[in-house]
Amino acid sequence: MATNRETLERQMREAAAAGKFEIAAKLRDDLKALADVDTARETGDLHRQQPGAMGLGTSRQAVEPPPGWVPPKRPDPMTANRSKRRR
């Protein structure tokens, strides 16, 4: 029995030979996605997504600022959006 990868490769070659290049390109992209998932599994870069941690669709738990970063000073509400020169 052929694997999913072999089946996709065969279908891609058949589509290209028949002149159906859009279908062949989609199958090529599917093969690339399979290869990316395999690489992520091998290197340990595949993380289970935690919903709601940093917003919808994120996979990182929390963003930490770089060492030494200081948040900027808050603007003064009395002078915000005003020109320095008075008329």
PDB file of N, CA and C in Angstrom:
ATOM      1  N   MET A   1       0.836  -1.182   0.000  1.00  0.00           N
ATOM      2  CA  MET A   1       0.000   0.000   0.000  1.00  0.00           C
ATOM      3  C   MET A   1       0.885   1.251   0.000  1.00  0.00           C
ATOM      4  N   ALA A   2       0.592   2.182  -0.871  1.00  0.00           N
ATOM      5  CA  ALA A   2       1.401   3.391  -1.018  1.00  0.00           C
ATOM      6  C   ALA A   2       1.093   4.373   0.109  1.00  0.00           C
ATOM      7  N   THR A   3       2.109   5.125   0.520  1.00  0.00           N
ATOM      8  CA  THR A   3       1.905   6.123   1.561  1.00  0.00           C
ATOM      9  C   THR A   3       1.228   7.350   0.958  1.00  0.00           C
ATOM     10  N   ASN A   4       0.790   8.217   1.816  1.00  0.00           N
ATOM     11  CA  ASN A   4       0.133   9.447   1.384  1.00  0.00           C
ATOM     12  C   ASN A   4       1.079  10.299   0.537  1.00  0.00           C
ATOM     13  N   ARG A   5       2.339  10.351   0.933  1.00  0.00           N
ATOM     14  CA  ARG A   5       3.338  11.131   0.198  1.00  0.00           C
ATOM     15  C   ARG A   5       3.526  10.575  -1.223  1.00  0.00           C
ATOM     16  N   GLU A   6       3.646   9.261  -1.319  1.00  0.00           N
ATOM     17  CA  GLU A   6       3.819   8.642  -2.643  1.00  0.00           C
ATOM     18  C   GLU A   6       2.593   8.859  -3.515  1.00  0.00           C
ATOM     19  N   THR A   7       1.415   8.778  -2.917  1.00  0.00           N
ATOM     20  CA  THR A   7       0.175   9.006  -3.661  1.00  0.00           C
ATOM     21  C   THR A   7       0.121  10.437  -4.176  1.00  0.00           C
ATOM     22  N   LEU A   8       0.473  11.390  -3.321  1.00  0.00           N
ATOM     23  CA  LEU A   8       0.469  12.793  -3.751  1.00  0.00           C
ATOM     24  C   LEU A   8       1.473  13.034  -4.875  1.00  0.00           C
ATOM     25  N   GLU A   9       2.664  12.440  -4.755  1.00  0.00           N
ATOM     26  CA  GLU A   9       3.675  12.609  -5.808  1.00  0.00           C
ATOM     27  C   GLU A   9       3.187  12.024  -7.134  1.00  0.00           C
ATOM     28  N   ARG A  10       2.569  10.864  -7.074  1.00  0.00           N
ATOM     29  CA  ARG A  10       2.052  10.236  -8.299  1.00  0.00           C
ATOM     30  C   ARG A  10       0.963  11.098  -8.920  1.00  0.00           C
ATOM     31  N   GLN A  11       0.027  11.585  -8.090  1.00  0.00           N
ATOM     32  CA  GLN A  11      -1.046  12.426  -8.601  1.00  0.00           C
ATOM     33  C   GLN A  11      -0.502  13.724  -9.189  1.00  0.00           C
ATOM     34  N   MET A  12       0.540  14.291  -8.562  1.00  0.00           N
ATOM     35  CA  MET A  12       1.142  15.518  -9.058  1.00  0.00           C
ATOM     36  C   MET A  12       1.760  15.291 -10.433  1.00  0.00           C
ATOM     37  N   ARG A  13       2.497  14.200 -10.584  1.00  0.00           N
ATOM     38  CA  ARG A  13       3.116  13.903 -11.881  1.00  0.00           C
ATOM     39  C   ARG A  13       2.066  13.663 -12.967  1.00  0.00           C
ATOM     40  N   GLU A  14       0.990  12.945 -12.609  1.00  0.00           N
ATOM     41  CA  GLU A  14      -0.076  12.683 -13.581  1.00  0.00           C
ATOM     42  C   GLU A  14      -0.774  13.977 -13.992  1.00  0.00           C
ATOM     43  N   ALA A  15      -1.013  14.867 -13.040  1.00  0.00           N
ATOM     44  CA  ALA A  15      -1.669  16.136 -13.354  1.00  0.00           C
ATOM     45  C   ALA A  15      -0.776  16.994 -14.245  1.00  0.00           C
ATOM     46  N   ALA A  16       0.531  17.004 -13.972  1.00  0.00           N
ATOM     47  CA  ALA A  16       1.451  17.790 -14.796  1.00  0.00           C
ATOM     48  C   ALA A  16       1.530  17.220 -16.208  1.00  0.00           C
ATOM     49  N   ALA A  17       1.547  15.895 -16.318  1.00  0.00           N
ATOM     50  CA  ALA A  17       1.606  15.263 -17.638  1.00  0.00           C
ATOM     51  C   ALA A  17       0.335  15.540 -18.437  1.00  0.00           C
ATOM     52  N   ALA A  18      -0.804  15.676 -17.748  1.00  0.00           N
ATOM     53  CA  ALA A  18      -2.077  15.934 -18.423  1.00  0.00           C
ATOM     54  C   ALA A  18      -2.274  17.423 -18.701  1.00  0.00           C
ATOM     55  N   GLY A  19      -1.339  18.268 -18.262  1.00  0.00           N
ATOM     56  CA  GLY A  19      -1.445  19.699 -18.506  1.00  0.00           C
ATOM     57  C   GLY A  19      -2.280  20.434 -17.469  1.00  0.00           C
ATOM     58  N   LYS A  20      -2.612  19.780 -16.390  1.00  0.00           N
ATOM     59  CA  LYS A  20      -3.392  20.414 -15.319  1.00  0.00           C
ATOM     60  C   LYS A  20      -2.416  20.980 -14.284  1.00  0.00           C
ATOM     61  N   PHE A  21      -1.814  22.107 -14.642  1.00  0.00           N
ATOM     62  CA  PHE A  21      -0.713  22.647 -13.844  1.00  0.00           C
ATOM     63  C   PHE A  21      -1.179  23.257 -12.527  1.00  0.00           C
ATOM     64  N   GLU A  22      -2.395  23.781 -12.482  1.00  0.00           N
ATOM     65  CA  GLU A  22      -2.891  24.341 -11.218  1.00  0.00           C
ATOM     66  C   GLU A  22      -3.077  23.237 -10.181  1.00  0.00           C
ATOM     67  N   ILE A  23      -3.606  22.104 -10.614  1.00  0.00           N
ATOM     68  CA  ILE A  23      -3.781  20.968  -9.701  1.00  0.00           C
ATOM     69  C   ILE A  23      -2.414  20.436  -9.268  1.00  0.00           C
ATOM     70  N   ALA A  24      -1.478  20.369 -10.219  1.00  0.00           N
ATOM     71  CA  ALA A  24      -0.130  19.896  -9.887  1.00  0.00           C
ATOM     72  C   ALA A  24       0.547  20.828  -8.885  1.00  0.00           C
ATOM     73  N   ALA A  25       0.336  22.137  -9.036  1.00  0.00           N
ATOM     74  CA  ALA A  25       0.940  23.096  -8.103  1.00  0.00           C
ATOM     75  C   ALA A  25       0.336  22.941  -6.707  1.00  0.00           C
ATOM     76  N   LYS A  26      -0.973  22.719  -6.611  1.00  0.00           N
ATOM     77  CA  LYS A  26      -1.603  22.519  -5.314  1.00  0.00           C
ATOM     78  C   LYS A  26      -1.072  21.252  -4.647  1.00  0.00           C
ATOM     79  N   LEU A  27      -0.914  20.191  -5.421  1.00  0.00           N
ATOM     80  CA  LEU A  27      -0.376  18.949  -4.867  1.00  0.00           C
ATOM     81  C   LEU A  27       1.077  19.138  -4.416  1.00  0.00           C
ATOM     82  N   ARG A  28       1.843  19.924  -5.179  1.00  0.00           N
ATOM     83  CA  ARG A  28       3.222  20.220  -4.783  1.00  0.00           C
ATOM     84  C   ARG A  28       3.246  20.968  -3.457  1.00  0.00           C
ATOM     85  N   ASP A  29       2.322  21.937  -3.290  1.00  0.00           N
ATOM     86  CA  ASP A  29       2.252  22.683  -2.038  1.00  0.00           C
ATOM     87  C   ASP A  29       1.854  21.773  -0.873  1.00  0.00           C
ATOM     88  N   ASP A  30       0.950  20.825  -1.139  1.00  0.00           N
ATOM     89  CA  ASP A  30       0.572  19.866  -0.103  1.00  0.00           C
ATOM     90  C   ASP A  30       1.759  19.003   0.317  1.00  0.00           C
ATOM     91  N   LEU A  31       2.564  18.592  -0.654  1.00  0.00           N
ATOM     92  CA  LEU A  31       3.772  17.809  -0.341  1.00  0.00           C
ATOM     93  C   LEU A  31       4.743  18.632   0.503  1.00  0.00           C
ATOM     94  N   LYS A  32       4.899  19.907   0.171  1.00  0.00           N
ATOM     95  CA  LYS A  32       5.793  20.783   0.927  1.00  0.00           C
ATOM     96  C   LYS A  32       5.298  20.939   2.357  1.00  0.00           C
ATOM     97  N   ALA A  33       3.971  21.069   2.527  1.00  0.00           N
ATOM     98  CA  ALA A  33       3.402  21.192   3.876  1.00  0.00           C
ATOM     99  C   ALA A  33       3.667  19.927   4.688  1.00  0.00           C
ATOM    100  N   LEU A  34       3.549  18.766   4.054  1.00  0.00           N
ATOM    101  CA  LEU A  34       3.862  17.510   4.752  1.00  0.00           C
ATOM    102  C   LEU A  34       5.325  17.473   5.189  1.00  0.00           C
ATOM    103  N   ALA A  35       6.205  17.926   4.315  1.00  0.00           N
ATOM    104  CA  ALA A  35       7.635  17.938   4.637  1.00  0.00           C
ATOM    105  C   ALA A  35       7.916  18.902   5.785  1.00  0.00           C
ATOM    106  N   ASP A  36       7.221  20.059   5.804  1.00  0.00           N
ATOM    107  CA  ASP A  36       7.425  21.022   6.887  1.00  0.00           C
ATOM    108  C   ASP A  36       6.981  20.459   8.229  1.00  0.00           C
ATOM    109  N   VAL A  37       5.862  19.735   8.244  1.00  0.00           N
ATOM    110  CA  VAL A  37       5.375  19.127   9.484  1.00  0.00           C
ATOM    111  C   VAL A  37       6.357  18.058   9.959  1.00  0.00           C
ATOM    112  N   ASP A  38       6.871  17.259   9.024  1.00  0.00           N
ATOM    113  CA  ASP A  38       7.844  16.231   9.404  1.00  0.00           C
ATOM    114  C   ASP A  38       9.101  16.859   9.989  1.00  0.00           C
ATOM    115  N   THR A  39       9.573  17.943   9.393  1.00  0.00           N
ATOM    116  CA  THR A  39      10.766  18.636   9.891  1.00  0.00           C
ATOM    117  C   THR A  39      10.505  19.201  11.279  1.00  0.00           C
ATOM    118  N   ALA A  40       9.319  19.786  11.483  1.00  0.00           N
ATOM    119  CA  ALA A  40       8.987  20.352  12.792  1.00  0.00           C
ATOM    120  C   ALA A  40       8.948  19.261  13.853  1.00  0.00           C
ATOM    121  N   ARG A  41       8.419  18.105  13.503  1.00  0.00           N
ATOM    122  CA  ARG A  41       8.380  17.002  14.472  1.00  0.00           C
ATOM    123  C   ARG A  41       9.785  16.532  14.823  1.00  0.00           C
ATOM    124  N   GLU A  42      10.665  16.471  13.820  1.00  0.00           N
ATOM    125  CA  GLU A  42      12.029  15.996  14.064  1.00  0.00           C
ATOM    126  C   GLU A  42      12.811  16.975  14.923  1.00  0.00           C
ATOM    127  N   THR A  43      12.623  18.267  14.726  1.00  0.00           N
ATOM    128  CA  THR A  43      13.401  19.264  15.467  1.00  0.00           C
ATOM    129  C   THR A  43      12.742  19.682  16.769  1.00  0.00           C
ATOM    130  N   GLY A  44      11.508  19.245  17.001  1.00  0.00           N
ATOM    131  CA  GLY A  44      10.830  19.597  18.243  1.00  0.00           C
ATOM    132  C   GLY A  44      10.176  20.962  18.206  1.00  0.00           C
ATOM    133  N   ASP A  45       9.988  21.559  17.034  1.00  0.00           N
ATOM    134  CA  ASP A  45       9.380  22.886  16.919  1.00  0.00           C
ATOM    135  C   ASP A  45       7.862  22.847  16.870  1.00  0.00           C
ATOM    136  N   LEU A  46       7.284  21.683  16.985  1.00  0.00           N
ATOM    137  CA  LEU A  46       5.835  21.550  16.912  1.00  0.00           C
ATOM    138  C   LEU A  46       5.266  21.678  18.317  1.00  0.00           C
ATOM    139  N   HIS A  47       4.486  22.750  18.554  1.00  0.00           N
ATOM    140  CA  HIS A  47       3.910  23.014  19.866  1.00  0.00           C
ATOM    141  C   HIS A  47       2.394  22.942  19.767  1.00  0.00           C
ATOM    142  N   ARG A  48       1.771  22.412  20.806  1.00  0.00           N
ATOM    143  CA  ARG A  48       0.310  22.411  20.855  1.00  0.00           C
ATOM    144  C   ARG A  48      -0.162  23.819  21.192  1.00  0.00           C
ATOM    145  N   GLN A  49      -1.117  24.303  20.432  1.00  0.00           N
ATOM    146  CA  GLN A  49      -1.609  25.655  20.607  1.00  0.00           C
ATOM    147  C   GLN A  49      -2.438  25.776  21.875  1.00  0.00           C
ATOM    148  N   GLN A  50      -2.221  26.837  22.637  1.00  0.00           N
ATOM    149  CA  GLN A  50      -2.995  27.113  23.835  1.00  0.00           C
ATOM    150  C   GLN A  50      -3.961  28.245  23.513  1.00  0.00           C
ATOM    151  N   PRO A  51      -5.248  27.963  23.418  1.00  0.00           N
ATOM    152  CA  PRO A  51      -6.191  29.004  23.032  1.00  0.00           C
ATOM    153  C   PRO A  51      -6.261  30.136  24.044  1.00  0.00           C
ATOM    154  N   GLY A  52      -6.316  31.359  23.546  1.00  0.00           N
ATOM    155  CA  GLY A  52      -6.499  32.531  24.380  1.00  0.00           C
ATOM    156  C   GLY A  52      -5.262  33.040  25.069  1.00  0.00           C
ATOM    157  N   ALA A  53      -4.108  32.443  24.844  1.00  0.00           N
ATOM    158  CA  ALA A  53      -2.912  32.882  25.546  1.00  0.00           C
ATOM    159  C   ALA A  53      -2.483  34.277  25.097  1.00  0.00           C
ATOM    160  N   MET A  54      -2.401  34.508  23.803  1.00  0.00           N
ATOM    161  CA  MET A  54      -2.005  35.817  23.272  1.00  0.00           C
ATOM    162  C   MET A  54      -2.962  36.257  22.175  1.00  0.00           C
ATOM    163  N   GLY A  55      -4.117  35.684  22.080  1.00  0.00           N
ATOM    164  CA  GLY A  55      -5.055  36.028  21.035  1.00  0.00           C
ATOM    165  C   GLY A  55      -5.369  34.806  20.198  1.00  0.00           C
ATOM    166  N   LEU A  56      -6.315  34.930  19.358  1.00  0.00           N
ATOM    167  CA  LEU A  56      -6.774  33.823  18.552  1.00  0.00           C
ATOM    168  C   LEU A  56      -5.705  33.391  17.552  1.00  0.00           C
ATOM    169  N   GLY A  57      -5.372  32.121  17.527  1.00  0.00           N
ATOM    170  CA  GLY A  57      -4.468  31.579  16.532  1.00  0.00           C
ATOM    171  C   GLY A  57      -2.997  31.670  16.869  1.00  0.00           C
ATOM    172  N   THR A  58      -2.641  32.026  18.071  1.00  0.00           N
ATOM    173  CA  THR A  58      -1.222  32.116  18.421  1.00  0.00           C
ATOM    174  C   THR A  58      -0.769  30.821  19.073  1.00  0.00           C
ATOM    175  N   SER A  59       0.496  30.526  18.968  1.00  0.00           N
ATOM    176  CA  SER A  59       1.024  29.316  19.574  1.00  0.00           C
ATOM    177  C   SER A  59       2.063  29.612  20.650  1.00  0.00           C
ATOM    178  N   ARG A  60       2.410  30.852  20.848  1.00  0.00           N
ATOM    179  CA  ARG A  60       3.376  31.212  21.881  1.00  0.00           C
ATOM    180  C   ARG A  60       2.623  31.614  23.145  1.00  0.00           C
ATOM    181  N   GLN A  61       3.123  31.213  24.274  1.00  0.00           N
ATOM    182  CA  GLN A  61       2.435  31.478  25.535  1.00  0.00           C
ATOM    183  C   GLN A  61       2.467  32.949  25.923  1.00  0.00           C
ATOM    184  N   ALA A  62       3.631  33.542  25.971  1.00  0.00           N
ATOM    185  CA  ALA A  62       3.749  34.936  26.393  1.00  0.00           C
ATOM    186  C   ALA A  62       4.969  35.549  25.719  1.00  0.00           C
ATOM    187  N   VAL A  63       4.872  36.822  25.478  1.00  0.00           N
ATOM    188  CA  VAL A  63       5.995  37.541  24.878  1.00  0.00           C
ATOM    189  C   VAL A  63       6.726  38.248  26.004  1.00  0.00           C
ATOM    190  N   GLU A  64       8.033  38.063  26.074  1.00  0.00           N
ATOM    191  CA  GLU A  64       8.831  38.716  27.100  1.00  0.00           C
ATOM    192  C   GLU A  64       9.686  39.790  26.442  1.00  0.00           C
ATOM    193  N   PRO A  65       9.767  40.970  27.067  1.00  0.00           N
ATOM    194  CA  PRO A  65      10.601  42.032  26.474  1.00  0.00           C
ATOM    195  C   PRO A  65      12.075  41.669  26.582  1.00  0.00           C
ATOM    196  N   PRO A  66      12.892  42.229  25.706  1.00  0.00           N
ATOM    197  CA  PRO A  66      14.329  41.949  25.773  1.00  0.00           C
ATOM    198  C   PRO A  66      14.928  42.503  27.066  1.00  0.00           C
ATOM    199  N   PRO A  67      16.061  41.960  27.491  1.00  0.00           N
ATOM    200  CA  PRO A  67      16.685  42.438  28.724  1.00  0.00           C
ATOM    201  C   PRO A  67      17.045  43.913  28.605  1.00  0.00           C
ATOM    202  N   GLY A  68      16.756  44.660  29.662  1.00  0.00           N
ATOM    203  CA  GLY A  68      17.098  46.076  29.686  1.00  0.00           C
ATOM    204  C   GLY A  68      16.031  46.982  29.091  1.00  0.00           C
ATOM    205  N   TRP A  69      14.936  46.436  28.599  1.00  0.00           N
ATOM    206  CA  TRP A  69      13.899  47.259  27.985  1.00  0.00           C
ATOM    207  C   TRP A  69      13.108  47.978  29.069  1.00  0.00           C
ATOM    208  N   VAL A  70      12.873  49.245  28.851  1.00  0.00           N
ATOM    209  CA  VAL A  70      12.096  50.054  29.791  1.00  0.00           C
ATOM    210  C   VAL A  70      10.894  50.596  29.026  1.00  0.00           C
ATOM    211  N   PRO A  71       9.685  50.473  29.569  1.00  0.00           N
ATOM    212  CA  PRO A  71       8.530  50.995  28.849  1.00  0.00           C
ATOM    213  C   PRO A  71       8.630  52.508  28.692  1.00  0.00           C
ATOM    214  N   PRO A  72       8.114  53.053  27.604  1.00  0.00           N
ATOM    215  CA  PRO A  72       8.208  54.495  27.386  1.00  0.00           C
ATOM    216  C   PRO A  72       7.328  55.261  28.371  1.00  0.00           C
ATOM    217  N   LYS A  73       7.681  56.532  28.595  1.00  0.00           N
ATOM    218  CA  LYS A  73       6.940  57.397  29.500  1.00  0.00           C
ATOM    219  C   LYS A  73       5.561  57.684  28.899  1.00  0.00           C
ATOM    220  N   ARG A  74       4.545  57.669  29.722  1.00  0.00           N
ATOM    221  CA  ARG A  74       3.197  57.929  29.243  1.00  0.00           C
ATOM    222  C   ARG A  74       3.052  59.412  28.896  1.00  0.00           C
ATOM    223  N   PRO A  75       2.318  59.730  27.842  1.00  0.00           N
ATOM    224  CA  PRO A  75       2.151  61.134  27.476  1.00  0.00           C
ATOM    225  C   PRO A  75       1.247  61.868  28.476  1.00  0.00           C
ATOM    226  N   ASP A  76       1.482  63.165  28.603  1.00  0.00           N
ATOM    227  CA  ASP A  76       0.679  64.007  29.477  1.00  0.00           C
ATOM    228  C   ASP A  76      -0.649  64.297  28.770  1.00  0.00           C
ATOM    229  N   PRO A  77      -1.796  63.939  29.363  1.00  0.00           N
ATOM    230  CA  PRO A  77      -3.072  64.149  28.666  1.00  0.00           C
ATOM    231  C   PRO A  77      -3.397  65.616  28.420  1.00  0.00           C
ATOM    232  N   MET A  78      -2.784  66.523  29.180  1.00  0.00           N
ATOM    233  CA  MET A  78      -3.061  67.954  28.986  1.00  0.00           C
ATOM    234  C   MET A  78      -2.328  68.516  27.776  1.00  0.00           C
ATOM    235  N   THR A  79      -1.232  67.881  27.387  1.00  0.00           N
ATOM    236  CA  THR A  79      -0.458  68.416  26.267  1.00  0.00           C
ATOM    237  C   THR A  79      -0.468  67.495  25.055  1.00  0.00           C
ATOM    238  N   ALA A  80      -1.178  66.395  25.125  1.00  0.00           N
ATOM    239  CA  ALA A  80      -1.208  65.463  24.001  1.00  0.00           C
ATOM    240  C   ALA A  80      -1.939  66.092  22.818  1.00  0.00           C
ATOM    241  N   ASN A  81      -1.439  65.865  21.629  1.00  0.00           N
ATOM    242  CA  ASN A  81      -2.029  66.339  20.383  1.00  0.00           C
ATOM    243  C   ASN A  81      -2.111  67.865  20.297  1.00  0.00           C
ATOM    244  N   ARG A  82      -1.183  68.557  20.913  1.00  0.00           N
ATOM    245  CA  ARG A  82      -1.161  70.016  20.835  1.00  0.00           C
ATOM    246  C   ARG A  82       0.150  70.466  20.217  1.00  0.00           C
ATOM    247  N   SER A  83       0.073  71.527  19.525  1.00  0.00           N
ATOM    248  CA  SER A  83       1.251  72.119  18.903  1.00  0.00           C
ATOM    249  C   SER A  83       2.078  72.801  19.974  1.00  0.00           C
ATOM    250  N   LYS A  84       3.379  72.842  19.799  1.00  0.00           N
ATOM    251  CA  LYS A  84       4.268  73.508  20.754  1.00  0.00           C
ATOM    252  C   LYS A  84       4.139  75.036  20.621  1.00  0.00           C
ATOM    253  N   ARG A  85       3.819  75.500  19.438  1.00  0.00           N
ATOM    254  CA  ARG A  85       3.721  76.943  19.187  1.00  0.00           C
ATOM    255  C   ARG A  85       2.275  77.380  19.333  1.00  0.00           C
ATOM    256  N   ARG A  86       2.067  78.392  20.127  1.00  0.00           N
ATOM    257  CA  ARG A  86       0.709  78.938  20.314  1.00  0.00           C
ATOM    258  C   ARG A  86       0.437  80.028  19.325  1.00  0.00           C
ATOM    259  N   ARG A  87      -0.760  80.135  18.903  1.00  0.00           N
ATOM    260  CA  ARG A  87      -1.138  81.160  17.923  1.00  0.00           C
ATOM    261  C   ARG A  87      -1.797  82.323  18.584  1.00  0.00           C
TER     262      ARG A  87
END
